[in-house]
Amino acid sequence: MTKLDEIKYVDWQFKLNGIGEVAEGVEDINQCISTILTTRKGSVPHRPTFGSDIYKYVDYPVNEAKSNIIRETTDAILLWETRITVNSVSVEIDESTILIKIEWTLNESRTKGITQVIL
């Protein structure tokens, strides 16, 4: 369990599925990206544009779905996670899952990271 005086970063949040734990640094950004992409637009009261529309493309043909998911991912992150620059987005689709891989750079420190989101 992390104590408040042990938090090293200005940007932090409580870790999802981690009672008493906090996400900070790269882990905070990964959690934010995951939250943005897995939240359907219109599902958050008073923030109707928060989230992404990637779920609209789940039943599309694979080639068409990939390009739309990449666009929706990039657009949502550019709008809602301004601490980073997106370097690349790739999508892998198999029978039951969609894996989105985002390579990014932290704007202030040039730290690089990779976030993977599974739908």
PDB file of N, CA and C in Angstrom:
ATOM      1  N   MET A   1       0.838  -1.166   0.000  1.00  0.00           N
ATOM      2  CA  MET A   1       0.000   0.000   0.000  1.00  0.00           C
ATOM      3  C   MET A   1       0.892   1.241   0.000  1.00  0.00           C
ATOM      4  N   THR A   2       0.623   2.159  -0.916  1.00  0.00           N
ATOM      5  CA  THR A   2       1.403   3.382  -1.043  1.00  0.00           C
ATOM      6  C   THR A   2       0.822   4.464  -0.136  1.00  0.00           C
ATOM      7  N   LYS A   3       1.696   5.129   0.597  1.00  0.00           N
ATOM      8  CA  LYS A   3       1.257   6.250   1.422  1.00  0.00           C
ATOM      9  C   LYS A   3       1.340   7.522   0.590  1.00  0.00           C
ATOM     10  N   LEU A   4       0.494   8.489   0.913  1.00  0.00           N
ATOM     11  CA  LEU A   4       0.470   9.724   0.138  1.00  0.00           C
ATOM     12  C   LEU A   4       1.815  10.423   0.111  1.00  0.00           C
ATOM     13  N   ASP A   5       2.602  10.343   1.167  1.00  0.00           N
ATOM     14  CA  ASP A   5       3.902  11.016   1.172  1.00  0.00           C
ATOM     15  C   ASP A   5       4.960  10.260   0.374  1.00  0.00           C
ATOM     16  N   GLU A   6       4.613   9.083  -0.150  1.00  0.00           N
ATOM     17  CA  GLU A   6       5.532   8.304  -0.975  1.00  0.00           C
ATOM     18  C   GLU A   6       5.327   8.548  -2.468  1.00  0.00           C
ATOM     19  N   ILE A   7       4.316   9.295  -2.845  1.00  0.00           N
ATOM     20  CA  ILE A   7       4.024   9.566  -4.251  1.00  0.00           C
ATOM     21  C   ILE A   7       5.062  10.527  -4.794  1.00  0.00           C
ATOM     22  N   LYS A   8       5.689  10.149  -5.921  1.00  0.00           N
ATOM     23  CA  LYS A   8       6.798  10.915  -6.483  1.00  0.00           C
ATOM     24  C   LYS A   8       6.386  11.862  -7.610  1.00  0.00           C
ATOM     25  N   TYR A   9       5.236  11.649  -8.194  1.00  0.00           N
ATOM     26  CA  TYR A   9       4.833  12.390  -9.382  1.00  0.00           C
ATOM     27  C   TYR A   9       3.647  13.299  -9.080  1.00  0.00           C
ATOM     28  N   VAL A  10       3.548  14.386  -9.840  1.00  0.00           N
ATOM     29  CA  VAL A  10       2.407  15.289  -9.717  1.00  0.00           C
ATOM     30  C   VAL A  10       1.155  14.595 -10.247  1.00  0.00           C
ATOM     31  N   ASP A  11       1.294  13.898 -11.374  1.00  0.00           N
ATOM     32  CA  ASP A  11       0.167  13.187 -11.974  1.00  0.00           C
ATOM     33  C   ASP A  11       0.135  11.764 -11.443  1.00  0.00           C
ATOM     34  N   TRP A  12      -0.934  11.425 -10.768  1.00  0.00           N
ATOM     35  CA  TRP A  12      -1.124  10.078 -10.259  1.00  0.00           C
ATOM     36  C   TRP A  12      -2.611   9.837 -10.104  1.00  0.00           C
ATOM     37  N   GLN A  13      -2.976   8.593  -9.940  1.00  0.00           N
ATOM     38  CA  GLN A  13      -4.367   8.221  -9.692  1.00  0.00           C
ATOM     39  C   GLN A  13      -4.378   6.898  -8.954  1.00  0.00           C
ATOM     40  N   PHE A  14      -5.495   6.562  -8.371  1.00  0.00           N
ATOM     41  CA  PHE A  14      -5.596   5.271  -7.733  1.00  0.00           C
ATOM     42  C   PHE A  14      -5.545   4.184  -8.795  1.00  0.00           C
ATOM     43  N   LYS A  15      -4.821   3.118  -8.501  1.00  0.00           N
ATOM     44  CA  LYS A  15      -4.648   2.014  -9.450  1.00  0.00           C
ATOM     45  C   LYS A  15      -5.940   1.209  -9.519  1.00  0.00           C
ATOM     46  N   LEU A  16      -6.385   0.957 -10.732  1.00  0.00           N
ATOM     47  CA  LEU A  16      -7.552   0.112 -10.915  1.00  0.00           C
ATOM     48  C   LEU A  16      -7.226  -1.300 -10.451  1.00  0.00           C
ATOM     49  N   ASN A  17      -8.130  -1.904  -9.741  1.00  0.00           N
ATOM     50  CA  ASN A  17      -7.968  -3.264  -9.223  1.00  0.00           C
ATOM     51  C   ASN A  17      -6.784  -3.398  -8.266  1.00  0.00           C
ATOM     52  N   GLY A  18      -6.403  -2.327  -7.620  1.00  0.00           N
ATOM     53  CA  GLY A  18      -5.316  -2.372  -6.642  1.00  0.00           C
ATOM     54  C   GLY A  18      -5.709  -1.563  -5.420  1.00  0.00           C
ATOM     55  N   ILE A  19      -6.281  -2.194  -4.436  1.00  0.00           N
ATOM     56  CA  ILE A  19      -6.783  -1.494  -3.262  1.00  0.00           C
ATOM     57  C   ILE A  19      -5.637  -0.804  -2.540  1.00  0.00           C
ATOM     58  N   GLY A  20      -5.741   0.508  -2.393  1.00  0.00           N
ATOM     59  CA  GLY A  20      -4.736   1.290  -1.689  1.00  0.00           C
ATOM     60  C   GLY A  20      -3.486   1.584  -2.492  1.00  0.00           C
ATOM     61  N   GLU A  21      -3.417   1.136  -3.733  1.00  0.00           N
ATOM     62  CA  GLU A  21      -2.246   1.361  -4.580  1.00  0.00           C
ATOM     63  C   GLU A  21      -2.486   2.560  -5.486  1.00  0.00           C
ATOM     64  N   VAL A  22      -1.399   3.186  -5.921  1.00  0.00           N
ATOM     65  CA  VAL A  22      -1.516   4.298  -6.859  1.00  0.00           C
ATOM     66  C   VAL A  22      -0.730   3.986  -8.126  1.00  0.00           C
ATOM     67  N   ALA A  23      -1.200   4.568  -9.224  1.00  0.00           N
ATOM     68  CA  ALA A  23      -0.488   4.486 -10.501  1.00  0.00           C
ATOM     69  C   ALA A  23       0.136   5.852 -10.738  1.00  0.00           C
ATOM     70  N   GLU A  24       1.434   5.879 -10.993  1.00  0.00           N
ATOM     71  CA  GLU A  24       2.118   7.133 -11.257  1.00  0.00           C
ATOM     72  C   GLU A  24       3.164   6.914 -12.341  1.00  0.00           C
ATOM     73  N   GLY A  25       3.599   7.994 -12.963  1.00  0.00           N
ATOM     74  CA  GLY A  25       4.593   7.894 -14.034  1.00  0.00           C
ATOM     75  C   GLY A  25       4.022   7.186 -15.246  1.00  0.00           C
ATOM     76  N   VAL A  26       4.816   6.301 -15.818  1.00  0.00           N
ATOM     77  CA  VAL A  26       4.414   5.558 -17.022  1.00  0.00           C
ATOM     78  C   VAL A  26       3.171   4.717 -16.741  1.00  0.00           C
ATOM     79  N   GLU A  27       3.093   4.151 -15.561  1.00  0.00           N
ATOM     80  CA  GLU A  27       1.932   3.334 -15.203  1.00  0.00           C
ATOM     81  C   GLU A  27       0.639   4.162 -15.204  1.00  0.00           C
ATOM     82  N   ASP A  28       0.725   5.420 -14.775  1.00  0.00           N
ATOM     83  CA  ASP A  28      -0.429   6.324 -14.795  1.00  0.00           C
ATOM     84  C   ASP A  28      -0.867   6.589 -16.231  1.00  0.00           C
ATOM     85  N   ILE A  29       0.086   6.835 -17.109  1.00  0.00           N
ATOM     86  CA  ILE A  29      -0.254   7.094 -18.515  1.00  0.00           C
ATOM     87  C   ILE A  29      -0.869   5.856 -19.148  1.00  0.00           C
ATOM     88  N   ASN A  30      -0.307   4.689 -18.892  1.00  0.00           N
ATOM     89  CA  ASN A  30      -0.874   3.448 -19.429  1.00  0.00           C
ATOM     90  C   ASN A  30      -2.312   3.255 -18.956  1.00  0.00           C
ATOM     91  N   GLN A  31      -2.557   3.530 -17.676  1.00  0.00           N
ATOM     92  CA  GLN A  31      -3.908   3.373 -17.141  1.00  0.00           C
ATOM     93  C   GLN A  31      -4.860   4.393 -17.764  1.00  0.00           C
ATOM     94  N   CYS A  32      -4.400   5.626 -17.953  1.00  0.00           N
ATOM     95  CA  CYS A  32      -5.239   6.650 -18.585  1.00  0.00           C
ATOM     96  C   CYS A  32      -5.598   6.266 -20.018  1.00  0.00           C
ATOM     97  N   ILE A  33      -4.612   5.799 -20.780  1.00  0.00           N
ATOM     98  CA  ILE A  33      -4.867   5.387 -22.170  1.00  0.00           C
ATOM     99  C   ILE A  33      -5.878   4.249 -22.198  1.00  0.00           C
ATOM    100  N   SER A  34      -5.701   3.271 -21.336  1.00  0.00           N
ATOM    101  CA  SER A  34      -6.628   2.145 -21.274  1.00  0.00           C
ATOM    102  C   SER A  34      -8.041   2.611 -20.927  1.00  0.00           C
ATOM    103  N   THR A  35      -8.155   3.520 -19.988  1.00  0.00           N
ATOM    104  CA  THR A  35      -9.465   4.048 -19.601  1.00  0.00           C
ATOM    105  C   THR A  35     -10.115   4.801 -20.751  1.00  0.00           C
ATOM    106  N   ILE A  36      -9.348   5.611 -21.447  1.00  0.00           N
ATOM    107  CA  ILE A  36      -9.877   6.370 -22.587  1.00  0.00           C
ATOM    108  C   ILE A  36     -10.405   5.422 -23.656  1.00  0.00           C
ATOM    109  N   LEU A  37      -9.611   4.420 -24.011  1.00  0.00           N
ATOM    110  CA  LEU A  37      -9.982   3.533 -25.118  1.00  0.00           C
ATOM    111  C   LEU A  37     -11.111   2.578 -24.778  1.00  0.00           C
ATOM    112  N   THR A  38     -11.247   2.193 -23.522  1.00  0.00           N
ATOM    113  CA  THR A  38     -12.293   1.235 -23.155  1.00  0.00           C
ATOM    114  C   THR A  38     -13.583   1.905 -22.694  1.00  0.00           C
ATOM    115  N   THR A  39     -13.607   3.235 -22.692  1.00  0.00           N
ATOM    116  CA  THR A  39     -14.818   3.971 -22.339  1.00  0.00           C
ATOM    117  C   THR A  39     -15.532   4.379 -23.625  1.00  0.00           C
ATOM    118  N   ARG A  40     -16.770   3.988 -23.735  1.00  0.00           N
ATOM    119  CA  ARG A  40     -17.552   4.347 -24.918  1.00  0.00           C
ATOM    120  C   ARG A  40     -17.954   5.821 -24.843  1.00  0.00           C
ATOM    121  N   LYS A  41     -17.773   6.538 -25.953  1.00  0.00           N
ATOM    122  CA  LYS A  41     -18.221   7.929 -26.006  1.00  0.00           C
ATOM    123  C   LYS A  41     -19.704   7.990 -25.639  1.00  0.00           C
ATOM    124  N   GLY A  42     -20.046   8.991 -24.841  1.00  0.00           N
ATOM    125  CA  GLY A  42     -21.435   9.161 -24.443  1.00  0.00           C
ATOM    126  C   GLY A  42     -21.810   8.433 -23.178  1.00  0.00           C
ATOM    127  N   SER A  43     -20.915   7.624 -22.622  1.00  0.00           N
ATOM    128  CA  SER A  43     -21.255   6.840 -21.435  1.00  0.00           C
ATOM    129  C   SER A  43     -20.930   7.551 -20.120  1.00  0.00           C
ATOM    130  N   VAL A  44     -20.222   8.675 -20.164  1.00  0.00           N
ATOM    131  CA  VAL A  44     -19.870   9.407 -18.948  1.00  0.00           C
ATOM    132  C   VAL A  44     -20.745  10.660 -18.868  1.00  0.00           C
ATOM    133  N   PRO A  45     -21.607  10.742 -17.852  1.00  0.00           N
ATOM    134  CA  PRO A  45     -22.458  11.929 -17.727  1.00  0.00           C
ATOM    135  C   PRO A  45     -21.622  13.211 -17.650  1.00  0.00           C
ATOM    136  N   HIS A  46     -22.083  14.243 -18.290  1.00  0.00           N
ATOM    137  CA  HIS A  46     -21.446  15.564 -18.314  1.00  0.00           C
ATOM    138  C   HIS A  46     -20.135  15.595 -19.093  1.00  0.00           C
ATOM    139  N   ARG A  47     -19.703  14.486 -19.658  1.00  0.00           N
ATOM    140  CA  ARG A  47     -18.521  14.439 -20.525  1.00  0.00           C
ATOM    141  C   ARG A  47     -18.837  13.537 -21.719  1.00  0.00           C
ATOM    142  N   PRO A  48     -19.774  13.946 -22.559  1.00  0.00           N
ATOM    143  CA  PRO A  48     -20.235  13.060 -23.630  1.00  0.00           C
ATOM    144  C   PRO A  48     -19.183  12.730 -24.680  1.00  0.00           C
ATOM    145  N   THR A  49     -18.132  13.531 -24.799  1.00  0.00           N
ATOM    146  CA  THR A  49     -17.116  13.237 -25.802  1.00  0.00           C
ATOM    147  C   THR A  49     -15.939  12.454 -25.232  1.00  0.00           C
ATOM    148  N   PHE A  50     -15.958  12.155 -23.928  1.00  0.00           N
ATOM    149  CA  PHE A  50     -14.856  11.389 -23.342  1.00  0.00           C
ATOM    150  C   PHE A  50     -14.936   9.945 -23.810  1.00  0.00           C
ATOM    151  N   GLY A  51     -13.784   9.374 -24.112  1.00  0.00           N
ATOM    152  CA  GLY A  51     -13.709   7.980 -24.516  1.00  0.00           C
ATOM    153  C   GLY A  51     -13.404   7.852 -25.994  1.00  0.00           C
ATOM    154  N   SER A  52     -13.783   6.703 -26.548  1.00  0.00           N
ATOM    155  CA  SER A  52     -13.514   6.447 -27.959  1.00  0.00           C
ATOM    156  C   SER A  52     -14.680   5.689 -28.582  1.00  0.00           C
ATOM    157  N   ASP A  53     -14.679   5.658 -29.889  1.00  0.00           N
ATOM    158  CA  ASP A  53     -15.704   4.939 -30.641  1.00  0.00           C
ATOM    159  C   ASP A  53     -15.164   3.650 -31.263  1.00  0.00           C
ATOM    160  N   ILE A  54     -14.124   3.077 -30.683  1.00  0.00           N
ATOM    161  CA  ILE A  54     -13.540   1.880 -31.288  1.00  0.00           C
ATOM    162  C   ILE A  54     -14.505   0.705 -31.295  1.00  0.00           C
ATOM    163  N   TYR A  55     -15.456   0.675 -30.371  1.00  0.00           N
ATOM    164  CA  TYR A  55     -16.399  -0.446 -30.327  1.00  0.00           C
ATOM    165  C   TYR A  55     -17.321  -0.478 -31.540  1.00  0.00           C
ATOM    166  N   LYS A  56     -17.472   0.645 -32.226  1.00  0.00           N
ATOM    167  CA  LYS A  56     -18.317   0.684 -33.427  1.00  0.00           C
ATOM    168  C   LYS A  56     -17.791  -0.240 -34.520  1.00  0.00           C
ATOM    169  N   TYR A  57     -16.506  -0.542 -34.478  1.00  0.00           N
ATOM    170  CA  TYR A  57     -15.857  -1.250 -35.585  1.00  0.00           C
ATOM    171  C   TYR A  57     -15.551  -2.715 -35.288  1.00  0.00           C
ATOM    172  N   VAL A  58     -16.061  -3.214 -34.194  1.00  0.00           N
ATOM    173  CA  VAL A  58     -15.778  -4.596 -33.801  1.00  0.00           C
ATOM    174  C   VAL A  58     -16.280  -5.601 -34.830  1.00  0.00           C
ATOM    175  N   ASP A  59     -17.422  -5.347 -35.444  1.00  0.00           N
ATOM    176  CA  ASP A  59     -18.006  -6.305 -36.384  1.00  0.00           C
ATOM    177  C   ASP A  59     -17.700  -6.000 -37.848  1.00  0.00           C
ATOM    178  N   TYR A  60     -16.825  -5.034 -38.101  1.00  0.00           N
ATOM    179  CA  TYR A  60     -16.437  -4.713 -39.471  1.00  0.00           C
ATOM    180  C   TYR A  60     -15.478  -5.774 -40.014  1.00  0.00           C
ATOM    181  N   PRO A  61     -15.334  -5.870 -41.337  1.00  0.00           N
ATOM    182  CA  PRO A  61     -14.287  -6.731 -41.896  1.00  0.00           C
ATOM    183  C   PRO A  61     -12.923  -6.287 -41.336  1.00  0.00           C
ATOM    184  N   VAL A  62     -12.021  -7.237 -41.144  1.00  0.00           N
ATOM    185  CA  VAL A  62     -10.763  -6.985 -40.432  1.00  0.00           C
ATOM    186  C   VAL A  62      -9.986  -5.805 -41.003  1.00  0.00           C
ATOM    187  N   ASN A  63      -9.782  -5.749 -42.305  1.00  0.00           N
ATOM    188  CA  ASN A  63      -8.993  -4.652 -42.892  1.00  0.00           C
ATOM    189  C   ASN A  63      -9.637  -3.294 -42.636  1.00  0.00           C
ATOM    190  N   GLU A  64     -10.941  -3.236 -42.742  1.00  0.00           N
ATOM    191  CA  GLU A  64     -11.656  -1.983 -42.505  1.00  0.00           C
ATOM    192  C   GLU A  64     -11.658  -1.642 -41.011  1.00  0.00           C
ATOM    193  N   ALA A  65     -11.822  -2.643 -40.172  1.00  0.00           N
ATOM    194  CA  ALA A  65     -11.829  -2.422 -38.723  1.00  0.00           C
ATOM    195  C   ALA A  65     -10.494  -1.870 -38.249  1.00  0.00           C
ATOM    196  N   LYS A  66      -9.402  -2.451 -38.718  1.00  0.00           N
ATOM    197  CA  LYS A  66      -8.079  -2.017 -38.267  1.00  0.00           C
ATOM    198  C   LYS A  66      -7.852  -0.534 -38.517  1.00  0.00           C
ATOM    199  N   SER A  67      -8.100  -0.081 -39.726  1.00  0.00           N
ATOM    200  CA  SER A  67      -7.838   1.324 -40.037  1.00  0.00           C
ATOM    201  C   SER A  67      -8.731   2.260 -39.224  1.00  0.00           C
ATOM    202  N   ASN A  68      -9.984   1.880 -39.013  1.00  0.00           N
ATOM    203  CA  ASN A  68     -10.883   2.708 -38.218  1.00  0.00           C
ATOM    204  C   ASN A  68     -10.500   2.712 -36.740  1.00  0.00           C
ATOM    205  N   ILE A  69     -10.087   1.573 -36.217  1.00  0.00           N
ATOM    206  CA  ILE A  69      -9.666   1.493 -34.814  1.00  0.00           C
ATOM    207  C   ILE A  69      -8.391   2.308 -34.597  1.00  0.00           C
ATOM    208  N   ILE A  70      -7.471   2.255 -35.535  1.00  0.00           N
ATOM    209  CA  ILE A  70      -6.246   3.058 -35.431  1.00  0.00           C
ATOM    210  C   ILE A  70      -6.594   4.542 -35.415  1.00  0.00           C
ATOM    211  N   ARG A  71      -7.479   4.971 -36.312  1.00  0.00           N
ATOM    212  CA  ARG A  71      -7.889   6.379 -36.347  1.00  0.00           C
ATOM    213  C   ARG A  71      -8.580   6.790 -35.058  1.00  0.00           C
ATOM    214  N   GLU A  72      -9.530   5.993 -34.581  1.00  0.00           N
ATOM    215  CA  GLU A  72     -10.262   6.317 -33.356  1.00  0.00           C
ATOM    216  C   GLU A  72      -9.327   6.352 -32.146  1.00  0.00           C
ATOM    217  N   THR A  73      -8.384   5.421 -32.099  1.00  0.00           N
ATOM    218  CA  THR A  73      -7.416   5.386 -31.003  1.00  0.00           C
ATOM    219  C   THR A  73      -6.575   6.650 -30.987  1.00  0.00           C
ATOM    220  N   THR A  74      -6.036   7.005 -32.136  1.00  0.00           N
ATOM    221  CA  THR A  74      -5.192   8.199 -32.242  1.00  0.00           C
ATOM    222  C   THR A  74      -5.970   9.456 -31.885  1.00  0.00           C
ATOM    223  N   ASP A  75      -7.170   9.590 -32.417  1.00  0.00           N
ATOM    224  CA  ASP A  75      -7.986  10.775 -32.142  1.00  0.00           C
ATOM    225  C   ASP A  75      -8.318  10.904 -30.658  1.00  0.00           C
ATOM    226  N   ALA A  76      -8.718   9.808 -30.033  1.00  0.00           N
ATOM    227  CA  ALA A  76      -9.101   9.838 -28.616  1.00  0.00           C
ATOM    228  C   ALA A  76      -7.909  10.183 -27.724  1.00  0.00           C
ATOM    229  N   ILE A  77      -6.749   9.612 -28.024  1.00  0.00           N
ATOM    230  CA  ILE A  77      -5.566   9.896 -27.204  1.00  0.00           C
ATOM    231  C   ILE A  77      -5.109  11.336 -27.403  1.00  0.00           C
ATOM    232  N   LEU A  78      -5.127  11.821 -28.639  1.00  0.00           N
ATOM    233  CA  LEU A  78      -4.745  13.216 -28.883  1.00  0.00           C
ATOM    234  C   LEU A  78      -5.642  14.188 -28.121  1.00  0.00           C
ATOM    235  N   LEU A  79      -6.908  13.868 -28.016  1.00  0.00           N
ATOM    236  CA  LEU A  79      -7.853  14.744 -27.336  1.00  0.00           C
ATOM    237  C   LEU A  79      -7.741  14.661 -25.814  1.00  0.00           C
ATOM    238  N   TRP A  80      -7.580  13.448 -25.272  1.00  0.00           N
ATOM    239  CA  TRP A  80      -7.714  13.263 -23.835  1.00  0.00           C
ATOM    240  C   TRP A  80      -6.416  13.003 -23.081  1.00  0.00           C
ATOM    241  N   GLU A  81      -5.336  12.650 -23.736  1.00  0.00           N
ATOM    242  CA  GLU A  81      -4.060  12.418 -23.032  1.00  0.00           C
ATOM    243  C   GLU A  81      -3.000  13.314 -23.645  1.00  0.00           C
ATOM    244  N   THR A  82      -3.002  14.567 -23.224  1.00  0.00           N
ATOM    245  CA  THR A  82      -2.141  15.580 -23.833  1.00  0.00           C
ATOM    246  C   THR A  82      -0.701  15.536 -23.323  1.00  0.00           C
ATOM    247  N   ARG A  83      -0.392  14.668 -22.383  1.00  0.00           N
ATOM    248  CA  ARG A  83       0.981  14.567 -21.869  1.00  0.00           C
ATOM    249  C   ARG A  83       1.905  13.809 -22.813  1.00  0.00           C
ATOM    250  N   ILE A  84       1.336  13.134 -23.805  1.00  0.00           N
ATOM    251  CA  ILE A  84       2.153  12.289 -24.673  1.00  0.00           C
ATOM    252  C   ILE A  84       1.961  12.637 -26.143  1.00  0.00           C
ATOM    253  N   THR A  85       2.915  12.171 -26.950  1.00  0.00           N
ATOM    254  CA  THR A  85       2.809  12.195 -28.402  1.00  0.00           C
ATOM    255  C   THR A  85       2.719  10.746 -28.866  1.00  0.00           C
ATOM    256  N   VAL A  86       1.738  10.443 -29.683  1.00  0.00           N
ATOM    257  CA  VAL A  86       1.575   9.080 -30.204  1.00  0.00           C
ATOM    258  C   VAL A  86       2.542   8.889 -31.359  1.00  0.00           C
ATOM    259  N   ASN A  87       3.399   7.873 -31.254  1.00  0.00           N
ATOM    260  CA  ASN A  87       4.350   7.559 -32.319  1.00  0.00           C
ATOM    261  C   ASN A  87       3.774   6.559 -33.315  1.00  0.00           C
ATOM    262  N   SER A  88       3.063   5.566 -32.802  1.00  0.00           N
ATOM    263  CA  SER A  88       2.448   4.587 -33.699  1.00  0.00           C
ATOM    264  C   SER A  88       1.333   3.848 -32.973  1.00  0.00           C
ATOM    265  N   VAL A  89       0.399   3.344 -33.773  1.00  0.00           N
ATOM    266  CA  VAL A  89      -0.685   2.515 -33.265  1.00  0.00           C
ATOM    267  C   VAL A  89      -0.791   1.313 -34.182  1.00  0.00           C
ATOM    268  N   SER A  90      -0.837   0.126 -33.603  1.00  0.00           N
ATOM    269  CA  SER A  90      -1.052  -1.079 -34.398  1.00  0.00           C
ATOM    270  C   SER A  90      -2.193  -1.875 -33.782  1.00  0.00           C
ATOM    271  N   VAL A  91      -2.867  -2.640 -34.617  1.00  0.00           N
ATOM    272  CA  VAL A  91      -4.024  -3.418 -34.180  1.00  0.00           C
ATOM    273  C   VAL A  91      -3.870  -4.840 -34.680  1.00  0.00           C
ATOM    274  N   GLU A  92      -4.085  -5.799 -33.782  1.00  0.00           N
ATOM    275  CA  GLU A  92      -4.119  -7.216 -34.148  1.00  0.00           C
ATOM    276  C   GLU A  92      -5.487  -7.748 -33.773  1.00  0.00           C
ATOM    277  N   ILE A  93      -6.126  -8.415 -34.729  1.00  0.00           N
ATOM    278  CA  ILE A  93      -7.466  -8.951 -34.502  1.00  0.00           C
ATOM    279  C   ILE A  93      -7.437 -10.448 -34.733  1.00  0.00           C
ATOM    280  N   ASP A  94      -7.920 -11.202 -33.737  1.00  0.00           N
ATOM    281  CA  ASP A  94      -8.099 -12.636 -33.952  1.00  0.00           C
ATOM    282  C   ASP A  94      -9.573 -12.964 -33.693  1.00  0.00           C
ATOM    283  N   GLU A  95      -9.889 -14.207 -33.524  1.00  0.00           N
ATOM    284  CA  GLU A  95     -11.284 -14.631 -33.427  1.00  0.00           C
ATOM    285  C   GLU A  95     -12.047 -13.983 -32.280  1.00  0.00           C
ATOM    286  N   SER A  96     -11.396 -13.762 -31.146  1.00  0.00           N
ATOM    287  CA  SER A  96     -12.148 -13.294 -29.983  1.00  0.00           C
ATOM    288  C   SER A  96     -11.587 -12.030 -29.321  1.00  0.00           C
ATOM    289  N   THR A  97     -10.452 -11.523 -29.780  1.00  0.00           N
ATOM    290  CA  THR A  97      -9.878 -10.348 -29.129  1.00  0.00           C
ATOM    291  C   THR A  97      -9.322  -9.352 -30.145  1.00  0.00           C
ATOM    292  N   ILE A  98      -9.260  -8.120 -29.681  1.00  0.00           N
ATOM    293  CA  ILE A  98      -8.600  -7.058 -30.430  1.00  0.00           C
ATOM    294  C   ILE A  98      -7.496  -6.526 -29.531  1.00  0.00           C
ATOM    295  N   LEU A  99      -6.259  -6.538 -30.023  1.00  0.00           N
ATOM    296  CA  LEU A  99      -5.114  -6.019 -29.282  1.00  0.00           C
ATOM    297  C   LEU A  99      -4.678  -4.727 -29.943  1.00  0.00           C
ATOM    298  N   ILE A 100      -4.702  -3.643 -29.164  1.00  0.00           N
ATOM    299  CA  ILE A 100      -4.253  -2.342 -29.658  1.00  0.00           C
ATOM    300  C   ILE A 100      -2.942  -2.021 -28.958  1.00  0.00           C
ATOM    301  N   LYS A 101      -1.913  -1.741 -29.748  1.00  0.00           N
ATOM    302  CA  LYS A 101      -0.583  -1.423 -29.213  1.00  0.00           C
ATOM    303  C   LYS A 101      -0.248   0.019 -29.596  1.00  0.00           C
ATOM    304  N   ILE A 102      -0.017   0.845 -28.563  1.00  0.00           N
ATOM    305  CA  ILE A 102       0.285   2.253 -28.778  1.00  0.00           C
ATOM    306  C   ILE A 102       1.708   2.526 -28.310  1.00  0.00           C
ATOM    307  N   GLU A 103       2.541   3.022 -29.213  1.00  0.00           N
ATOM    308  CA  GLU A 103       3.883   3.462 -28.837  1.00  0.00           C
ATOM    309  C   GLU A 103       3.836   4.977 -28.737  1.00  0.00           C
ATOM    310  N   TRP A 104       4.344   5.510 -27.617  1.00  0.00           N
ATOM    311  CA  TRP A 104       4.220   6.937 -27.350  1.00  0.00           C
ATOM    312  C   TRP A 104       5.483   7.489 -26.709  1.00  0.00           C
ATOM    313  N   THR A 105       5.569   8.838 -26.703  1.00  0.00           N
ATOM    314  CA  THR A 105       6.675   9.550 -26.067  1.00  0.00           C
ATOM    315  C   THR A 105       6.085  10.592 -25.136  1.00  0.00           C
ATOM    316  N   LEU A 106       6.584  10.637 -23.915  1.00  0.00           N
ATOM    317  CA  LEU A 106       6.170  11.644 -22.945  1.00  0.00           C
ATOM    318  C   LEU A 106       6.721  12.991 -23.383  1.00  0.00           C
ATOM    319  N   ASN A 107       5.874  13.984 -23.493  1.00  0.00           N
ATOM    320  CA  ASN A 107       6.265  15.278 -24.054  1.00  0.00           C
ATOM    321  C   ASN A 107       7.385  15.968 -23.277  1.00  0.00           C
ATOM    322  N   GLU A 108       7.324  15.988 -21.966  1.00  0.00           N
ATOM    323  CA  GLU A 108       8.286  16.762 -21.180  1.00  0.00           C
ATOM    324  C   GLU A 108       9.645  16.094 -21.020  1.00  0.00           C
ATOM    325  N   SER A 109       9.675  14.786 -20.891  1.00  0.00           N
ATOM    326  CA  SER A 109      10.955  14.128 -20.608  1.00  0.00           C
ATOM    327  C   SER A 109      11.473  13.266 -21.753  1.00  0.00           C
ATOM    328  N   ARG A 110      10.687  13.118 -22.810  1.00  0.00           N
ATOM    329  CA  ARG A 110      11.046  12.274 -23.948  1.00  0.00           C
ATOM    330  C   ARG A 110      11.119  10.794 -23.570  1.00  0.00           C
ATOM    331  N   THR A 111      10.553  10.423 -22.420  1.00  0.00           N
ATOM    332  CA  THR A 111      10.456   9.020 -22.028  1.00  0.00           C
ATOM    333  C   THR A 111       9.535   8.318 -23.006  1.00  0.00           C
ATOM    334  N   LYS A 112       9.922   7.129 -23.441  1.00  0.00           N
ATOM    335  CA  LYS A 112       9.100   6.365 -24.375  1.00  0.00           C
ATOM    336  C   LYS A 112       8.349   5.269 -23.619  1.00  0.00           C
ATOM    337  N   GLY A 113       7.199   4.945 -24.128  1.00  0.00           N
ATOM    338  CA  GLY A 113       6.399   3.893 -23.497  1.00  0.00           C
ATOM    339  C   GLY A 113       5.574   3.155 -24.529  1.00  0.00           C
ATOM    340  N   ILE A 114       5.076   2.009 -24.115  1.00  0.00           N
ATOM    341  CA  ILE A 114       4.180   1.190 -24.938  1.00  0.00           C
ATOM    342  C   ILE A 114       3.000   0.792 -24.077  1.00  0.00           C
ATOM    343  N   THR A 115       1.829   1.029 -24.592  1.00  0.00           N
ATOM    344  CA  THR A 115       0.598   0.626 -23.901  1.00  0.00           C
ATOM    345  C   THR A 115      -0.117  -0.387 -24.772  1.00  0.00           C
ATOM    346  N   GLN A 116      -0.570  -1.470 -24.151  1.00  0.00           N
ATOM    347  CA  GLN A 116      -1.367  -2.469 -24.863  1.00  0.00           C
ATOM    348  C   GLN A 116      -2.731  -2.546 -24.219  1.00  0.00           C
ATOM    349  N   VAL A 117      -3.757  -2.480 -25.058  1.00  0.00           N
ATOM    350  CA  VAL A 117      -5.128  -2.550 -24.598  1.00  0.00           C
ATOM    351  C   VAL A 117      -5.794  -3.717 -25.301  1.00  0.00           C
ATOM    352  N   ILE A 118      -6.422  -4.577 -24.552  1.00  0.00           N
ATOM    353  CA  ILE A 118      -7.104  -5.747 -25.115  1.00  0.00           C
ATOM    354  C   ILE A 118      -8.604  -5.555 -24.970  1.00  0.00           C
ATOM    355  N   LEU A 119      -9.299  -5.720 -26.076  1.00  0.00           N
ATOM    356  CA  LEU A 119     -10.774  -5.630 -26.073  1.00  0.00           C
ATOM    357  C   LEU A 119     -11.359  -6.998 -26.299  1.00  0.00           C
TER     358      LEU A 119
END
